[in-house]
């Protein structure tokens, strides 16, 4: 009896899992649509944001205070100083 119960539970759980997988997984067309580049995504904006973060970290690494102790104004000043130094080189 216990063996029959465990087989029923195993088959039932597997069936529920398979059904959920079939219901929730996207078909090929919707998967391709969701992974293709959207027109509102701008690579230059992402590159600018990444460069700004790099500038802040680079400027903070040259400062005496740790970055988590700096104010927003100090971080911005360090970033501007670093950017002006790299542009003049």
N, C-alpha and C. Protein backbone atom coordinates (compact mmCIF):
# COMPACT_ATOMS: atom_id res chain seq x y z
N UNK A 1 0.82 -1.20 0.00
CA UNK A 1 0.00 0.00 0.00
C UNK A 1 0.86 1.26 0.00
N UNK A 2 1.94 1.22 0.80
CA UNK A 2 2.82 2.38 0.87
C UNK A 2 3.52 2.61 -0.46
N UNK A 3 3.87 1.51 -1.14
CA UNK A 3 4.52 1.63 -2.44
C UNK A 3 3.58 2.27 -3.46
N UNK A 4 2.34 1.85 -3.45
CA UNK A 4 1.35 2.42 -4.36
C UNK A 4 1.15 3.91 -4.08
N UNK A 5 1.11 4.28 -2.82
CA UNK A 5 0.94 5.68 -2.43
C UNK A 5 2.12 6.52 -2.93
N UNK A 6 3.33 6.02 -2.76
CA UNK A 6 4.51 6.78 -3.17
C UNK A 6 4.58 6.90 -4.69
N UNK A 7 4.16 5.86 -5.41
CA UNK A 7 4.13 5.93 -6.88
C UNK A 7 3.12 6.97 -7.33
N UNK A 8 1.95 6.97 -6.71
CA UNK A 8 0.91 7.95 -7.07
C UNK A 8 1.40 9.37 -6.80
N UNK A 9 2.02 9.58 -5.64
CA UNK A 9 2.54 10.92 -5.31
C UNK A 9 3.65 11.34 -6.28
N UNK A 10 4.52 10.41 -6.63
CA UNK A 10 5.61 10.72 -7.56
C UNK A 10 5.07 11.08 -8.94
N UNK A 11 4.16 10.29 -9.44
CA UNK A 11 3.56 10.57 -10.75
C UNK A 11 2.76 11.87 -10.71
N UNK A 12 2.02 12.07 -9.64
CA UNK A 12 1.23 13.29 -9.52
C UNK A 12 2.10 14.54 -9.45
N UNK A 13 3.16 14.48 -8.65
CA UNK A 13 4.07 15.62 -8.54
C UNK A 13 4.77 15.88 -9.87
N UNK A 14 5.21 14.84 -10.52
CA UNK A 14 5.84 15.00 -11.83
C UNK A 14 4.88 15.58 -12.85
N UNK A 15 3.64 15.13 -12.81
CA UNK A 15 2.63 15.65 -13.73
C UNK A 15 2.34 17.12 -13.50
N UNK A 16 2.23 17.50 -12.24
CA UNK A 16 2.00 18.91 -11.92
C UNK A 16 3.18 19.75 -12.37
N UNK A 17 4.40 19.28 -12.12
CA UNK A 17 5.59 20.00 -12.53
C UNK A 17 5.66 20.15 -14.05
N UNK A 18 5.38 19.08 -14.78
CA UNK A 18 5.40 19.13 -16.23
C UNK A 18 4.33 20.07 -16.77
N UNK A 19 3.17 20.03 -16.19
CA UNK A 19 2.09 20.92 -16.62
C UNK A 19 2.46 22.38 -16.39
N UNK A 20 3.00 22.68 -15.22
CA UNK A 20 3.43 24.06 -14.94
C UNK A 20 4.52 24.50 -15.92
N UNK A 21 5.45 23.62 -16.22
CA UNK A 21 6.51 23.96 -17.17
C UNK A 21 5.92 24.28 -18.55
N UNK A 22 4.99 23.48 -19.01
CA UNK A 22 4.38 23.70 -20.32
C UNK A 22 3.56 24.99 -20.35
N UNK A 23 2.88 25.30 -19.25
CA UNK A 23 2.06 26.51 -19.20
C UNK A 23 2.91 27.76 -19.11
N UNK A 24 3.96 27.72 -18.30
CA UNK A 24 4.72 28.94 -18.01
C UNK A 24 5.89 29.20 -18.95
N UNK A 25 6.38 28.22 -19.68
CA UNK A 25 7.50 28.47 -20.58
C UNK A 25 6.98 29.11 -21.87
N UNK A 26 7.70 30.15 -22.36
CA UNK A 26 7.23 30.84 -23.55
C UNK A 26 7.47 30.01 -24.80
N UNK A 27 6.66 30.25 -25.83
CA UNK A 27 6.90 29.58 -27.09
C UNK A 27 8.07 30.29 -27.79
N UNK A 28 8.51 29.73 -28.90
CA UNK A 28 9.73 30.23 -29.54
C UNK A 28 9.59 31.69 -30.01
N UNK A 29 8.44 32.05 -30.54
CA UNK A 29 8.25 33.41 -31.06
C UNK A 29 8.29 34.44 -29.93
N UNK A 30 7.60 34.19 -28.84
CA UNK A 30 7.59 35.16 -27.76
C UNK A 30 8.95 35.22 -27.07
N UNK A 31 9.70 34.11 -27.05
CA UNK A 31 11.04 34.14 -26.48
C UNK A 31 11.98 35.00 -27.32
N UNK A 32 11.90 34.85 -28.63
CA UNK A 32 12.75 35.66 -29.51
C UNK A 32 12.37 37.12 -29.40
N UNK A 33 11.08 37.42 -29.33
CA UNK A 33 10.65 38.80 -29.19
C UNK A 33 11.13 39.43 -27.89
N UNK A 34 11.14 38.68 -26.83
CA UNK A 34 11.55 39.23 -25.53
C UNK A 34 13.06 39.39 -25.42
N UNK A 35 13.83 38.61 -26.15
CA UNK A 35 15.28 38.71 -26.06
C UNK A 35 15.89 39.61 -27.12
N UNK A 36 15.14 39.97 -28.15
CA UNK A 36 15.70 40.86 -29.16
C UNK A 36 15.82 42.27 -28.58
N UNK A 37 16.70 43.05 -29.20
CA UNK A 37 16.93 44.40 -28.69
C UNK A 37 15.67 45.25 -28.89
N UNK A 38 15.32 45.94 -27.85
CA UNK A 38 14.17 46.81 -27.94
C UNK A 38 14.61 48.17 -28.49
N UNK A 39 13.75 48.88 -29.18
CA UNK A 39 14.16 50.15 -29.78
C UNK A 39 14.47 51.22 -28.74
N UNK A 40 13.95 51.12 -27.53
CA UNK A 40 14.21 52.15 -26.53
C UNK A 40 15.57 51.95 -25.84
N UNK A 41 16.24 50.84 -26.08
CA UNK A 41 17.55 50.60 -25.47
C UNK A 41 18.60 51.36 -26.26
N UNK A 42 19.37 52.18 -25.56
CA UNK A 42 20.38 52.99 -26.20
C UNK A 42 21.75 52.58 -25.66
N UNK A 43 22.59 52.06 -26.52
CA UNK A 43 23.91 51.60 -26.09
C UNK A 43 24.79 52.75 -25.63
N UNK A 44 24.65 53.91 -26.24
CA UNK A 44 25.51 55.03 -25.85
C UNK A 44 25.18 55.51 -24.44
N UNK A 45 23.90 55.49 -24.08
CA UNK A 45 23.53 55.87 -22.71
C UNK A 45 24.11 54.89 -21.70
N UNK A 46 24.04 53.62 -22.01
CA UNK A 46 24.60 52.61 -21.11
C UNK A 46 26.11 52.78 -20.99
N UNK A 47 26.76 53.09 -22.10
CA UNK A 47 28.21 53.30 -22.06
C UNK A 47 28.55 54.54 -21.25
N UNK A 48 27.75 55.58 -21.38
CA UNK A 48 27.99 56.80 -20.60
C UNK A 48 27.82 56.54 -19.10
N UNK A 49 26.79 55.79 -18.74
CA UNK A 49 26.56 55.47 -17.33
C UNK A 49 27.71 54.62 -16.78
N UNK A 50 28.14 53.65 -17.58
CA UNK A 50 29.25 52.79 -17.15
C UNK A 50 30.52 53.62 -16.98
N UNK A 51 30.76 54.56 -17.92
CA UNK A 51 31.94 55.41 -17.83
C UNK A 51 31.85 56.33 -16.63
N UNK A 52 30.65 56.85 -16.31
CA UNK A 52 30.49 57.72 -15.15
C UNK A 52 30.80 56.97 -13.86
N UNK A 53 30.34 55.73 -13.77
CA UNK A 53 30.63 54.92 -12.58
C UNK A 53 32.12 54.67 -12.48
N UNK A 54 32.75 54.37 -13.61
CA UNK A 54 34.19 54.15 -13.62
C UNK A 54 34.93 55.42 -13.18
N UNK A 55 34.47 56.57 -13.67
CA UNK A 55 35.10 57.84 -13.30
C UNK A 55 35.00 58.11 -11.81
N UNK A 56 33.83 57.84 -11.24
CA UNK A 56 33.64 58.05 -9.80
C UNK A 56 34.56 57.13 -9.01
N UNK A 57 34.63 55.87 -9.39
CA UNK A 57 35.48 54.93 -8.68
C UNK A 57 36.96 55.28 -8.84
N UNK A 58 37.35 55.70 -10.03
CA UNK A 58 38.74 56.07 -10.26
C UNK A 58 39.11 57.31 -9.46
N UNK A 59 38.21 58.30 -9.47
CA UNK A 59 38.46 59.51 -8.69
C UNK A 59 38.51 59.22 -7.20
N UNK A 60 37.65 58.34 -6.75
CA UNK A 60 37.61 58.01 -5.32
C UNK A 60 38.84 57.21 -4.92
N UNK A 61 39.38 56.44 -5.83
CA UNK A 61 40.57 55.65 -5.49
C UNK A 61 41.78 56.53 -5.28
N UNK A 62 41.78 57.71 -5.87
CA UNK A 62 42.90 58.62 -5.73
C UNK A 62 42.73 59.55 -4.53
N UNK A 63 41.59 59.52 -3.88
CA UNK A 63 41.33 60.37 -2.72
C UNK A 63 41.82 59.70 -1.45
N UNK A 64 41.94 60.50 -0.40
CA UNK A 64 42.41 59.97 0.88
C UNK A 64 41.30 59.26 1.66
N UNK A 65 40.05 59.70 1.47
CA UNK A 65 38.93 59.10 2.19
C UNK A 65 38.38 57.91 1.42
N UNK A 66 37.85 56.91 2.13
CA UNK A 66 37.19 55.81 1.42
C UNK A 66 35.90 56.32 0.76
N UNK A 67 35.50 55.63 -0.29
CA UNK A 67 34.36 56.09 -1.09
C UNK A 67 33.07 56.11 -0.28
N UNK A 68 32.92 55.21 0.69
CA UNK A 68 31.68 55.18 1.46
C UNK A 68 31.62 56.30 2.49
N UNK A 69 32.71 57.01 2.70
CA UNK A 69 32.71 58.15 3.62
C UNK A 69 32.60 59.49 2.90
N UNK A 70 32.65 59.48 1.59
CA UNK A 70 32.59 60.72 0.81
C UNK A 70 31.15 61.17 0.62
N UNK A 71 30.97 62.47 0.55
CA UNK A 71 29.65 63.01 0.25
C UNK A 71 29.44 62.98 -1.25
N UNK A 72 28.22 63.19 -1.65
CA UNK A 72 27.90 63.20 -3.08
C UNK A 72 28.67 64.31 -3.80
N UNK A 73 28.82 65.45 -3.14
CA UNK A 73 29.53 66.57 -3.76
C UNK A 73 31.02 66.22 -3.96
N UNK A 74 31.61 65.57 -2.98
CA UNK A 74 33.02 65.17 -3.11
C UNK A 74 33.20 64.16 -4.24
N UNK A 75 32.28 63.21 -4.35
CA UNK A 75 32.37 62.23 -5.43
C UNK A 75 32.25 62.91 -6.78
N UNK A 76 31.32 63.82 -6.90
CA UNK A 76 31.13 64.52 -8.18
C UNK A 76 32.35 65.37 -8.51
N UNK A 77 32.92 66.03 -7.51
CA UNK A 77 34.13 66.84 -7.74
C UNK A 77 35.29 65.96 -8.18
N UNK A 78 35.45 64.81 -7.53
CA UNK A 78 36.51 63.88 -7.92
C UNK A 78 36.30 63.36 -9.34
N UNK A 79 35.06 63.07 -9.68
CA UNK A 79 34.76 62.58 -11.04
C UNK A 79 35.09 63.64 -12.07
N UNK A 80 34.67 64.89 -11.81
CA UNK A 80 34.95 65.97 -12.75
C UNK A 80 36.44 66.21 -12.89
N UNK A 81 37.16 66.14 -11.78
CA UNK A 81 38.60 66.32 -11.83
C UNK A 81 39.26 65.21 -12.63
N UNK A 82 38.83 63.98 -12.43
CA UNK A 82 39.39 62.86 -13.16
C UNK A 82 39.09 62.97 -14.65
N UNK A 83 37.87 63.36 -14.99
CA UNK A 83 37.50 63.49 -16.40
C UNK A 83 38.32 64.59 -17.06
N UNK A 84 38.50 65.73 -16.38
CA UNK A 84 39.28 66.80 -16.98
C UNK A 84 40.74 66.40 -17.13
N UNK A 85 41.28 65.63 -16.19
CA UNK A 85 42.66 65.17 -16.31
C UNK A 85 42.85 64.19 -17.48
N UNK A 86 41.87 63.30 -17.67
CA UNK A 86 42.01 62.33 -18.74
C UNK A 86 41.81 62.98 -20.10
N UNK A 87 41.01 64.02 -20.18
CA UNK A 87 40.79 64.69 -21.47
C UNK A 87 42.00 65.52 -21.89
N UNK A 88 42.76 66.01 -20.91
CA UNK A 88 43.93 66.82 -21.23
C UNK A 88 45.13 65.97 -21.60
N UNK A 89 45.11 64.69 -21.25
CA UNK A 89 46.25 63.81 -21.55
C UNK A 89 46.31 63.43 -23.00
